[in-house]
Amino acid sequence: MKKKLKLADFEKTFFYSDSHNDLALLEFVTNPVVVNGDKILLKKAQEKNWPTLNLK
């Protein structure tokens, strides 16, 4: 029988986003990363001290 995995089963979780629409997911994982973030998301990343990447 296969075990159903839950987020709590993982020691580290990563999520990459460019949009403030994903804030709920970014706040849920252990390692949020903002990539080419919109203005709102970049402000939140600065407040939370999240790493940011600008690949433009």
N, C-alpha and C. Protein backbone atom coordinates (compact mmCIF):
# COMPACT_ATOMS: atom_id res chain seq x y z
N MET A 1 0.83 -1.17 0.00
CA MET A 1 0.00 0.00 0.00
C MET A 1 0.89 1.25 0.00
N LYS A 2 0.57 2.19 -0.87
CA LYS A 2 1.33 3.43 -0.97
C LYS A 2 0.90 4.40 0.13
N LYS A 3 1.89 5.06 0.71
CA LYS A 3 1.61 6.08 1.72
C LYS A 3 1.32 7.40 1.03
N LYS A 4 0.25 8.07 1.44
CA LYS A 4 -0.04 9.40 0.91
C LYS A 4 0.87 10.39 1.61
N LEU A 5 1.59 11.17 0.83
CA LEU A 5 2.50 12.16 1.39
C LEU A 5 1.76 13.45 1.69
N LYS A 6 2.17 14.08 2.80
CA LYS A 6 1.64 15.38 3.19
C LYS A 6 2.81 16.35 3.28
N LEU A 7 2.52 17.61 3.23
CA LEU A 7 3.58 18.61 3.31
C LEU A 7 4.41 18.44 4.57
N ALA A 8 3.78 18.04 5.66
CA ALA A 8 4.49 17.85 6.93
C ALA A 8 5.52 16.72 6.85
N ASP A 9 5.43 15.87 5.84
CA ASP A 9 6.39 14.77 5.66
C ASP A 9 7.74 15.26 5.13
N PHE A 10 7.82 16.49 4.72
CA PHE A 10 9.03 17.03 4.11
C PHE A 10 9.71 18.02 5.05
N GLU A 11 11.01 17.84 5.23
CA GLU A 11 11.77 18.73 6.10
C GLU A 11 11.92 20.11 5.47
N LYS A 12 12.14 20.14 4.15
CA LYS A 12 12.30 21.40 3.43
C LYS A 12 11.34 21.42 2.25
N THR A 13 10.73 22.57 2.06
CA THR A 13 9.88 22.78 0.89
C THR A 13 10.27 24.10 0.24
N PHE A 14 10.22 24.14 -1.08
CA PHE A 14 10.60 25.32 -1.84
C PHE A 14 9.43 25.74 -2.73
N PHE A 15 9.29 27.05 -2.91
CA PHE A 15 8.30 27.57 -3.84
C PHE A 15 8.86 28.83 -4.46
N TYR A 16 8.78 28.91 -5.76
CA TYR A 16 9.28 30.05 -6.53
C TYR A 16 8.09 30.76 -7.16
N SER A 17 8.08 32.09 -7.09
CA SER A 17 6.96 32.82 -7.66
C SER A 17 7.37 34.21 -8.10
N ASP A 18 6.57 34.75 -9.01
CA ASP A 18 6.77 36.12 -9.48
C ASP A 18 5.56 37.01 -9.17
N SER A 19 4.54 36.45 -8.52
CA SER A 19 3.29 37.18 -8.35
C SER A 19 2.81 37.19 -6.90
N HIS A 20 2.29 38.33 -6.47
CA HIS A 20 1.72 38.43 -5.13
C HIS A 20 0.50 37.51 -4.96
N ASN A 21 -0.05 37.04 -6.08
CA ASN A 21 -1.17 36.11 -6.00
C ASN A 21 -0.78 34.79 -5.34
N ASP A 22 0.51 34.52 -5.24
CA ASP A 22 1.02 33.29 -4.63
C ASP A 22 1.49 33.48 -3.20
N LEU A 23 1.17 34.59 -2.58
CA LEU A 23 1.65 34.87 -1.22
C LEU A 23 1.30 33.78 -0.23
N ALA A 24 0.11 33.24 -0.31
CA ALA A 24 -0.29 32.19 0.64
C ALA A 24 0.64 30.98 0.55
N LEU A 25 1.00 30.60 -0.65
CA LEU A 25 1.92 29.46 -0.82
C LEU A 25 3.33 29.81 -0.37
N LEU A 26 3.78 31.00 -0.68
CA LEU A 26 5.12 31.43 -0.27
C LEU A 26 5.23 31.46 1.25
N GLU A 27 4.19 31.85 1.93
CA GLU A 27 4.22 31.91 3.38
C GLU A 27 4.10 30.52 4.02
N PHE A 28 3.67 29.55 3.27
CA PHE A 28 3.45 28.19 3.77
C PHE A 28 4.70 27.34 3.74
N VAL A 29 5.56 27.53 2.74
CA VAL A 29 6.74 26.68 2.58
C VAL A 29 7.90 27.14 3.47
N THR A 30 8.91 26.29 3.60
CA THR A 30 10.07 26.65 4.43
C THR A 30 11.06 27.52 3.68
N ASN A 31 11.06 27.48 2.35
CA ASN A 31 12.04 28.23 1.56
C ASN A 31 11.37 28.95 0.39
N PRO A 32 10.74 30.10 0.65
CA PRO A 32 10.14 30.86 -0.45
C PRO A 32 11.22 31.64 -1.20
N VAL A 33 11.05 31.74 -2.52
CA VAL A 33 11.99 32.50 -3.36
C VAL A 33 11.17 33.32 -4.35
N VAL A 34 11.46 34.60 -4.42
CA VAL A 34 10.77 35.49 -5.36
C VAL A 34 11.65 35.67 -6.59
N VAL A 35 11.08 35.40 -7.76
CA VAL A 35 11.81 35.52 -9.03
C VAL A 35 11.07 36.51 -9.93
N ASN A 36 11.77 37.60 -10.28
CA ASN A 36 11.15 38.64 -11.11
C ASN A 36 9.81 39.07 -10.52
N GLY A 37 9.79 39.31 -9.23
CA GLY A 37 8.55 39.60 -8.52
C GLY A 37 7.89 40.90 -8.92
N ASP A 38 6.56 40.92 -8.79
CA ASP A 38 5.83 42.17 -9.01
C ASP A 38 6.07 43.09 -7.81
N LYS A 39 5.63 44.33 -7.93
CA LYS A 39 5.92 45.35 -6.92
C LYS A 39 5.45 44.95 -5.52
N ILE A 40 4.25 44.42 -5.43
CA ILE A 40 3.68 44.01 -4.14
C ILE A 40 4.49 42.86 -3.54
N LEU A 41 4.83 41.89 -4.37
CA LEU A 41 5.57 40.73 -3.88
C LEU A 41 6.98 41.11 -3.45
N LEU A 42 7.63 41.99 -4.18
CA LEU A 42 8.98 42.43 -3.79
C LEU A 42 8.96 43.14 -2.45
N LYS A 43 7.93 43.93 -2.19
CA LYS A 43 7.81 44.61 -0.91
C LYS A 43 7.67 43.60 0.22
N LYS A 44 6.82 42.60 0.02
CA LYS A 44 6.61 41.56 1.02
C LYS A 44 7.89 40.75 1.24
N ALA A 45 8.61 40.45 0.17
CA ALA A 45 9.86 39.69 0.27
C ALA A 45 10.87 40.46 1.11
N GLN A 46 10.91 41.76 0.92
CA GLN A 46 11.83 42.59 1.70
C GLN A 46 11.44 42.56 3.18
N GLU A 47 10.15 42.67 3.47
CA GLU A 47 9.66 42.63 4.85
C GLU A 47 9.99 41.29 5.52
N LYS A 48 9.86 40.19 4.76
CA LYS A 48 10.05 38.84 5.31
C LYS A 48 11.49 38.34 5.17
N ASN A 49 12.34 39.15 4.52
CA ASN A 49 13.72 38.76 4.28
C ASN A 49 13.85 37.49 3.44
N TRP A 50 12.98 37.38 2.43
CA TRP A 50 13.02 36.25 1.50
C TRP A 50 14.04 36.54 0.41
N PRO A 51 14.71 35.52 -0.09
CA PRO A 51 15.62 35.75 -1.22
C PRO A 51 14.84 36.13 -2.48
N THR A 52 15.46 37.01 -3.27
CA THR A 52 14.85 37.43 -4.53
C THR A 52 15.86 37.30 -5.66
N LEU A 53 15.35 36.98 -6.83
CA LEU A 53 16.16 36.90 -8.03
C LEU A 53 15.55 37.79 -9.10
N ASN A 54 16.39 38.48 -9.85
CA ASN A 54 15.92 39.24 -11.00
C ASN A 54 16.67 38.69 -12.21
N LEU A 55 15.96 37.97 -13.05
CA LEU A 55 16.58 37.31 -14.21
C LEU A 55 16.31 38.05 -15.50
N LYS A 56 15.85 39.28 -15.42
CA LYS A 56 15.56 40.05 -16.63
C LYS A 56 16.82 40.72 -17.15
